Amino acid sequence: MVEIFSILNFYYPQIILYLDYFGTVAFAVTGAFKAIEQKSDLVGVVILSTIAGLSGGIIRDVLFGRFPPAALSDPTYFLLTISTGIVLFFSYHKLKKHWNVFLKCDAIGLGVFTIIGATMAYAIFGPNLLLITFAGLITATGGGILRDVFVNEIPLVFVRELYATASFGGVVVFYVLILLADPVVAAIAGIVTATGIRLLAMKYDWNLPRARVS
């Protein structure tokens, strides 16, 4: 077991990078689907795919003074979102029946982006819970919020299921474990927690209480 964690620690930066790529594609898929449902043309699909996939990370990097943002300095991110948009545009009728699979990927992307944001904040500011939480949440939800705003919808994160709450749960687990254990352990546990809460919320239709308006 010790050897396994030693190997994971050695490859941790590469693992985080590839997880970031995966999360980018997962969120880009939701943007592409949303654009197609709004009857957008190919350009519109690619644009919304890119917004959903990259916005959270770009906003985080800009707010934390990282210039240029990772998504703008590494062309792989744009290639992934553009490719995802094009593939979904031409394969929508075949892939829409697998929407539940994509929702599960989105849940994993939520967990991944949460911990990537939290990890970056921890690397810059140390164990500052407020900044780690902010970075995790903005990375995980920023793209989805802008995606919904661009199609004139109330962002999903504000009205349905446990989305931001799932992200926050992952951040808390990450924060506690990074103080007590290995960063790799903290990252894995945070991703599993955020993803698990999100998947359970989708399965059992969990929602937070809403204010009565009448």
C-alpha atoms as a PDB file:
ATOM      1  CA  MET A   1       0.000   0.000   0.000  1.00  0.00           C
ATOM      2  CA  VAL A   2       2.825   2.415   0.847  1.00  0.00           C
ATOM      3  CA  GLU A   3       4.419   1.716  -2.531  1.00  0.00           C
ATOM      4  CA  ILE A   4       1.140   2.441  -4.306  1.00  0.00           C
ATOM      5  CA  PHE A   5       0.802   5.848  -2.650  1.00  0.00           C
ATOM      6  CA  SER A   6       4.467   6.615  -3.362  1.00  0.00           C
ATOM      7  CA  ILE A   7       3.840   5.962  -7.044  1.00  0.00           C
ATOM      8  CA  LEU A   8       0.660   8.040  -6.993  1.00  0.00           C
ATOM      9  CA  ASN A   9       2.504  10.909  -5.326  1.00  0.00           C
ATOM     10  CA  PHE A  10       5.222  10.783  -7.980  1.00  0.00           C
ATOM     11  CA  TYR A  11       2.687  10.941 -10.808  1.00  0.00           C
ATOM     12  CA  TYR A  12       0.284  13.283  -8.984  1.00  0.00           C
ATOM     13  CA  PRO A  13       0.771  16.304 -11.309  1.00  0.00           C
ATOM     14  CA  GLN A  14       0.185  14.144 -14.394  1.00  0.00           C
ATOM     15  CA  ILE A  15      -2.836  12.492 -12.803  1.00  0.00           C
ATOM     16  CA  ILE A  16      -4.359  15.881 -11.988  1.00  0.00           C
ATOM     17  CA  LEU A  17      -3.708  17.078 -15.539  1.00  0.00           C
ATOM     18  CA  TYR A  18      -5.442  14.102 -17.153  1.00  0.00           C
ATOM     19  CA  LEU A  19      -8.315  14.335 -14.702  1.00  0.00           C
ATOM     20  CA  ASP A  20      -8.616  18.002 -15.693  1.00  0.00           C
ATOM     21  CA  TYR A  21      -8.850  16.948 -19.326  1.00  0.00           C
ATOM     22  CA  PHE A  22     -11.535  14.410 -18.440  1.00  0.00           C
ATOM     23  CA  GLY A  23     -13.549  16.969 -16.487  1.00  0.00           C
ATOM     24  CA  THR A  24     -13.254  19.422 -19.372  1.00  0.00           C
ATOM     25  CA  VAL A  25     -14.742  16.899 -21.786  1.00  0.00           C
ATOM     26  CA  ALA A  26     -17.477  15.900 -19.334  1.00  0.00           C
ATOM     27  CA  PHE A  27     -18.620  19.495 -18.900  1.00  0.00           C
ATOM     28  CA  ALA A  28     -18.211  20.229 -22.612  1.00  0.00           C
ATOM     29  CA  VAL A  29     -20.654  17.404 -23.332  1.00  0.00           C
ATOM     30  CA  THR A  30     -23.333  19.069 -21.196  1.00  0.00           C
ATOM     31  CA  GLY A  31     -22.754  22.346 -23.023  1.00  0.00           C
ATOM     32  CA  ALA A  32     -23.038  20.677 -26.421  1.00  0.00           C
ATOM     33  CA  PHE A  33     -26.242  18.872 -25.450  1.00  0.00           C
ATOM     34  CA  LYS A  34     -27.748  22.079 -24.117  1.00  0.00           C
ATOM     35  CA  ALA A  35     -26.908  23.977 -27.310  1.00  0.00           C
ATOM     36  CA  ILE A  36     -28.356  21.235 -29.535  1.00  0.00           C
ATOM     37  CA  GLU A  37     -31.571  21.193 -27.503  1.00  0.00           C
ATOM     38  CA  GLN A  38     -31.770  24.961 -28.106  1.00  0.00           C
ATOM     39  CA  LYS A  39     -31.492  24.266 -31.864  1.00  0.00           C
ATOM     40  CA  SER A  40     -28.121  25.995 -32.189  1.00  0.00           C
ATOM     41  CA  ASP A  41     -26.021  25.591 -35.319  1.00  0.00           C
ATOM     42  CA  LEU A  42     -22.576  23.961 -35.316  1.00  0.00           C
ATOM     43  CA  VAL A  43     -20.797  27.145 -34.248  1.00  0.00           C
ATOM     44  CA  GLY A  44     -23.242  27.667 -31.394  1.00  0.00           C
ATOM     45  CA  VAL A  45     -22.755  24.100 -30.214  1.00  0.00           C
ATOM     46  CA  VAL A  46     -18.957  24.449 -30.230  1.00  0.00           C
ATOM     47  CA  ILE A  47     -19.108  27.796 -28.418  1.00  0.00           C
ATOM     48  CA  LEU A  48     -21.386  26.534 -25.654  1.00  0.00           C
ATOM     49  CA  SER A  49     -19.345  23.351 -25.368  1.00  0.00           C
ATOM     50  CA  THR A  50     -16.240  25.476 -24.848  1.00  0.00           C
ATOM     51  CA  ILE A  51     -17.937  27.798 -22.365  1.00  0.00           C
ATOM     52  CA  ALA A  52     -19.151  24.883 -20.255  1.00  0.00           C
ATOM     53  CA  GLY A  53     -15.828  23.084 -20.382  1.00  0.00           C
ATOM     54  CA  LEU A  54     -13.432  25.958 -19.729  1.00  0.00           C
ATOM     55  CA  SER A  55     -15.131  28.853 -17.954  1.00  0.00           C
ATOM     56  CA  GLY A  56     -14.823  27.599 -14.386  1.00  0.00           C
ATOM     57  CA  GLY A  57     -11.077  27.095 -14.633  1.00  0.00           C
ATOM     58  CA  ILE A  58     -10.509  30.373 -16.457  1.00  0.00           C
ATOM     59  CA  ILE A  59     -12.475  32.372 -13.872  1.00  0.00           C
ATOM     60  CA  ARG A  60     -10.539  30.686 -11.055  1.00  0.00           C
ATOM     61  CA  ASP A  61      -7.155  31.353 -12.659  1.00  0.00           C
ATOM     62  CA  VAL A  62      -7.957  35.003 -13.377  1.00  0.00           C
ATOM     63  CA  LEU A  63      -9.173  35.640  -9.826  1.00  0.00           C
ATOM     64  CA  PHE A  64      -6.054  33.995  -8.411  1.00  0.00           C
ATOM     65  CA  GLY A  65      -3.725  35.959 -10.674  1.00  0.00           C
ATOM     66  CA  ARG A  66      -2.619  33.077 -12.874  1.00  0.00           C
ATOM     67  CA  PHE A  67      -1.843  34.521 -16.311  1.00  0.00           C
ATOM     68  CA  PRO A  68      -2.409  33.202 -18.804  1.00  0.00           C
ATOM     69  CA  PRO A  69      -5.029  30.777 -17.475  1.00  0.00           C
ATOM     70  CA  ALA A  70      -4.186  27.118 -18.007  1.00  0.00           C
ATOM     71  CA  ALA A  71      -7.017  26.694 -20.510  1.00  0.00           C
ATOM     72  CA  LEU A  72      -5.546  29.456 -22.676  1.00  0.00           C
ATOM     73  CA  SER A  73      -1.906  28.425 -22.449  1.00  0.00           C
ATOM     74  CA  ASP A  74      -2.500  24.746 -23.233  1.00  0.00           C
ATOM     75  CA  PRO A  75      -4.267  24.305 -26.610  1.00  0.00           C
ATOM     76  CA  THR A  76      -5.314  20.795 -25.601  1.00  0.00           C
ATOM     77  CA  TYR A  77      -8.245  22.236 -23.652  1.00  0.00           C
ATOM     78  CA  PHE A  78      -9.665  24.052 -26.662  1.00  0.00           C
ATOM     79  CA  LEU A  79      -9.087  21.038 -28.894  1.00  0.00           C
ATOM     80  CA  LEU A  80     -11.009  18.866 -26.449  1.00  0.00           C
ATOM     81  CA  THR A  81     -14.019  21.164 -26.189  1.00  0.00           C
ATOM     82  CA  ILE A  82     -14.159  21.896 -29.922  1.00  0.00           C
ATOM     83  CA  SER A  83     -13.867  18.203 -30.775  1.00  0.00           C
ATOM     84  CA  THR A  84     -16.541  17.337 -28.226  1.00  0.00           C
ATOM     85  CA  GLY A  85     -18.922  19.904 -29.686  1.00  0.00           C
ATOM     86  CA  ILE A  86     -18.399  18.665 -33.238  1.00  0.00           C
ATOM     87  CA  VAL A  87     -18.788  14.992 -32.308  1.00  0.00           C
ATOM     88  CA  LEU A  88     -21.982  15.678 -30.345  1.00  0.00           C
ATOM     89  CA  PHE A  89     -23.395  17.818 -33.161  1.00  0.00           C
ATOM     90  CA  PHE A  90     -23.121  15.006 -35.692  1.00  0.00           C
ATOM     91  CA  SER A  91     -23.897  12.134 -33.305  1.00  0.00           C
ATOM     92  CA  TYR A  92     -26.650  13.635 -31.171  1.00  0.00           C
ATOM     93  CA  HIS A  93     -29.439  11.281 -32.254  1.00  0.00           C
ATOM     94  CA  LYS A  94     -27.285   8.235 -31.507  1.00  0.00           C
ATOM     95  CA  LEU A  95     -25.882   9.527 -28.225  1.00  0.00           C
ATOM     96  CA  LYS A  96     -28.926  11.183 -26.623  1.00  0.00           C
ATOM     97  CA  LYS A  97     -30.274   7.799 -25.514  1.00  0.00           C
ATOM     98  CA  HIS A  98     -27.124   7.482 -23.387  1.00  0.00           C
ATOM     99  CA  TRP A  99     -27.783  10.788 -21.608  1.00  0.00           C
ATOM    100  CA  ASN A 100     -27.775   9.076 -18.206  1.00  0.00           C
ATOM    101  CA  VAL A 101     -24.218   7.937 -18.872  1.00  0.00           C
ATOM    102  CA  PHE A 102     -23.199  11.498 -19.665  1.00  0.00           C
ATOM    103  CA  LEU A 103     -24.873  12.733 -16.479  1.00  0.00           C
ATOM    104  CA  LYS A 104     -22.736  10.285 -14.517  1.00  0.00           C
ATOM    105  CA  CYS A 105     -19.666  11.618 -16.324  1.00  0.00           C
ATOM    106  CA  ASP A 106     -20.788  15.130 -15.409  1.00  0.00           C
ATOM    107  CA  ALA A 107     -20.966  14.050 -11.763  1.00  0.00           C
ATOM    108  CA  ILE A 108     -17.409  12.748 -11.983  1.00  0.00           C
ATOM    109  CA  GLY A 109     -16.383  15.984 -13.688  1.00  0.00           C
ATOM    110  CA  LEU A 110     -17.936  17.908 -10.795  1.00  0.00           C
ATOM    111  CA  GLY A 111     -15.818  15.973  -8.308  1.00  0.00           C
ATOM    112  CA  VAL A 112     -12.678  16.306 -10.412  1.00  0.00           C
ATOM    113  CA  PHE A 113     -13.028  20.056 -10.983  1.00  0.00           C
ATOM    114  CA  THR A 114     -13.848  20.632  -7.324  1.00  0.00           C
ATOM    115  CA  ILE A 115     -10.606  19.040  -6.177  1.00  0.00           C
ATOM    116  CA  ILE A 116      -8.502  20.573  -8.947  1.00  0.00           C
ATOM    117  CA  GLY A 117      -9.660  24.022  -7.828  1.00  0.00           C
ATOM    118  CA  ALA A 118      -9.138  23.149  -4.174  1.00  0.00           C
ATOM    119  CA  THR A 119      -5.675  21.744  -4.877  1.00  0.00           C
ATOM    120  CA  MET A 120      -4.626  24.897  -6.706  1.00  0.00           C
ATOM    121  CA  ALA A 121      -5.824  27.115  -3.857  1.00  0.00           C
ATOM    122  CA  TYR A 122      -4.047  24.961  -1.294  1.00  0.00           C
ATOM    123  CA  ALA A 123      -0.808  25.128  -3.307  1.00  0.00           C
ATOM    124  CA  ILE A 124      -0.985  28.936  -3.425  1.00  0.00           C
ATOM    125  CA  PHE A 125      -2.516  29.899  -0.076  1.00  0.00           C
ATOM    126  CA  GLY A 126      -1.985  26.876   2.161  1.00  0.00           C
ATOM    127  CA  PRO A 127      -4.745  25.538   4.438  1.00  0.00           C
ATOM    128  CA  ASN A 128      -7.130  28.472   4.026  1.00  0.00           C
ATOM    129  CA  LEU A 129     -10.589  26.879   4.080  1.00  0.00           C
ATOM    130  CA  LEU A 130     -12.382  29.909   2.633  1.00  0.00           C
ATOM    131  CA  LEU A 131     -10.122  30.194  -0.418  1.00  0.00           C
ATOM    132  CA  ILE A 132      -9.986  26.428  -0.941  1.00  0.00           C
ATOM    133  CA  THR A 133     -13.792  26.297  -0.848  1.00  0.00           C
ATOM    134  CA  PHE A 134     -14.142  29.259  -3.186  1.00  0.00           C
ATOM    135  CA  ALA A 135     -11.686  27.803  -5.697  1.00  0.00           C
ATOM    136  CA  GLY A 136     -13.330  24.390  -5.602  1.00  0.00           C
ATOM    137  CA  LEU A 137     -16.844  25.743  -6.049  1.00  0.00           C
ATOM    138  CA  ILE A 138     -16.047  28.248  -8.797  1.00  0.00           C
ATOM    139  CA  THR A 139     -14.094  25.663 -10.774  1.00  0.00           C
ATOM    140  CA  ALA A 140     -16.872  23.088 -10.458  1.00  0.00           C
ATOM    141  CA  THR A 141     -19.881  25.332 -11.078  1.00  0.00           C
ATOM    142  CA  GLY A 142     -18.646  28.328 -13.090  1.00  0.00           C
ATOM    143  CA  GLY A 143     -18.915  26.655 -16.487  1.00  0.00           C
ATOM    144  CA  GLY A 144     -22.377  25.261 -15.810  1.00  0.00           C
ATOM    145  CA  ILE A 145     -23.683  28.609 -14.578  1.00  0.00           C
ATOM    146  CA  LEU A 146     -22.461  30.448 -17.674  1.00  0.00           C
ATOM    147  CA  ARG A 147     -23.746  27.635 -19.912  1.00  0.00           C
ATOM    148  CA  ASP A 148     -27.275  28.041 -18.574  1.00  0.00           C
ATOM    149  CA  VAL A 149     -27.134  31.836 -18.582  1.00  0.00           C
ATOM    150  CA  PHE A 150     -26.130  31.835 -22.259  1.00  0.00           C
ATOM    151  CA  VAL A 151     -29.286  29.866 -23.160  1.00  0.00           C
ATOM    152  CA  ASN A 152     -31.436  32.115 -20.963  1.00  0.00           C
ATOM    153  CA  GLU A 153     -32.149  29.522 -18.253  1.00  0.00           C
ATOM    154  CA  ILE A 154     -31.885  29.739 -14.483  1.00  0.00           C
ATOM    155  CA  PRO A 155     -28.618  27.919 -13.687  1.00  0.00           C
ATOM    156  CA  LEU A 156     -29.220  24.338 -12.572  1.00  0.00           C
ATOM    157  CA  VAL A 157     -26.999  24.871  -9.550  1.00  0.00           C
ATOM    158  CA  PHE A 158     -29.548  27.362  -8.143  1.00  0.00           C
ATOM    159  CA  VAL A 159     -32.742  25.372  -8.538  1.00  0.00           C
ATOM    160  CA  ARG A 160     -32.274  21.597  -8.631  1.00  0.00           C
ATOM    161  CA  GLU A 161     -30.582  18.771  -6.826  1.00  0.00           C
ATOM    162  CA  LEU A 162     -27.401  18.895  -4.762  1.00  0.00           C
ATOM    163  CA  TYR A 163     -24.787  20.355  -7.089  1.00  0.00           C
ATOM    164  CA  ALA A 164     -22.869  23.086  -5.317  1.00  0.00           C
ATOM    165  CA  THR A 165     -23.586  21.238  -2.064  1.00  0.00           C
ATOM    166  CA  ALA A 166     -21.931  18.113  -3.461  1.00  0.00           C
ATOM    167  CA  SER A 167     -18.923  20.189  -4.451  1.00  0.00           C
ATOM    168  CA  PHE A 168     -18.739  21.698  -0.955  1.00  0.00           C
ATOM    169  CA  GLY A 169     -18.875  18.239   0.601  1.00  0.00           C
ATOM    170  CA  GLY A 170     -15.888  17.215  -1.499  1.00  0.00           C
ATOM    171  CA  VAL A 171     -13.975  20.329  -0.455  1.00  0.00           C
ATOM    172  CA  VAL A 172     -14.571  19.672   3.244  1.00  0.00           C
ATOM    173  CA  VAL A 173     -13.331  16.093   2.975  1.00  0.00           C
ATOM    174  CA  PHE A 174     -10.306  17.259   0.965  1.00  0.00           C
ATOM    175  CA  TYR A 175      -9.490  19.976   3.512  1.00  0.00           C
ATOM    176  CA  VAL A 176      -9.707  17.691   6.533  1.00  0.00           C
ATOM    177  CA  LEU A 177      -7.660  14.908   4.962  1.00  0.00           C
ATOM    178  CA  ILE A 178      -4.977  17.144   3.516  1.00  0.00           C
ATOM    179  CA  LEU A 179      -4.270  18.286   7.083  1.00  0.00           C
ATOM    180  CA  LEU A 180      -4.193  14.735   8.404  1.00  0.00           C
ATOM    181  CA  ALA A 181      -3.016  12.556   5.536  1.00  0.00           C
ATOM    182  CA  ASP A 182      -1.404  12.414   2.129  1.00  0.00           C
ATOM    183  CA  PRO A 183      -2.455  14.904  -0.621  1.00  0.00           C
ATOM    184  CA  VAL A 184      -3.268  12.017  -2.941  1.00  0.00           C
ATOM    185  CA  VAL A 185      -5.528  10.449  -0.319  1.00  0.00           C
ATOM    186  CA  ALA A 186      -7.226  13.811   0.226  1.00  0.00           C
ATOM    187  CA  ALA A 187      -7.739  14.334  -3.506  1.00  0.00           C
ATOM    188  CA  ILE A 188      -9.168  10.866  -4.136  1.00  0.00           C
ATOM    189  CA  ALA A 189     -11.480  11.077  -1.128  1.00  0.00           C
ATOM    190  CA  GLY A 190     -12.660  14.557  -2.145  1.00  0.00           C
ATOM    191  CA  ILE A 191     -13.447  13.457  -5.695  1.00  0.00           C
ATOM    192  CA  VAL A 192     -15.290  10.358  -4.483  1.00  0.00           C
ATOM    193  CA  THR A 193     -17.283  12.378  -1.953  1.00  0.00           C
ATOM    194  CA  ALA A 194     -18.412  15.121  -4.348  1.00  0.00           C
ATOM    195  CA  THR A 195     -19.182  12.632  -7.110  1.00  0.00           C
ATOM    196  CA  GLY A 196     -20.983  10.279  -4.735  1.00  0.00           C
ATOM    197  CA  ILE A 197     -23.224  12.993  -3.285  1.00  0.00           C
ATOM    198  CA  ARG A 198     -24.089  14.214  -6.774  1.00  0.00           C
ATOM    199  CA  LEU A 199     -24.927  10.713  -8.042  1.00  0.00           C
ATOM    200  CA  LEU A 200     -27.103   9.992  -5.005  1.00  0.00           C
ATOM    201  CA  ALA A 201     -28.876  13.332  -5.432  1.00  0.00           C
ATOM    202  CA  MET A 202     -29.700  12.459  -9.053  1.00  0.00           C
ATOM    203  CA  LYS A 203     -30.853   8.953  -8.172  1.00  0.00           C
ATOM    204  CA  TYR A 204     -33.073   9.906  -5.241  1.00  0.00           C
ATOM    205  CA  ASP A 205     -34.005  13.417  -6.400  1.00  0.00           C
ATOM    206  CA  TRP A 206     -32.506  15.105  -3.351  1.00  0.00           C
ATOM    207  CA  ASN A 207     -33.036  18.857  -3.177  1.00  0.00           C
ATOM    208  CA  LEU A 208     -32.402  21.533  -0.613  1.00  0.00           C
ATOM    209  CA  PRO A 209     -35.433  23.244   0.996  1.00  0.00           C
ATOM    210  CA  ARG A 210     -36.906  26.187  -0.897  1.00  0.00           C
ATOM    211  CA  ALA A 211     -38.549  29.329   0.443  1.00  0.00           C
ATOM    212  CA  ARG A 212     -42.337  29.447   0.277  1.00  0.00           C
ATOM    213  CA  VAL A 213     -43.544  32.162  -2.063  1.00  0.00           C
ATOM    214  CA  SER A 214     -47.272  31.797  -1.478  1.00  0.00           C
END
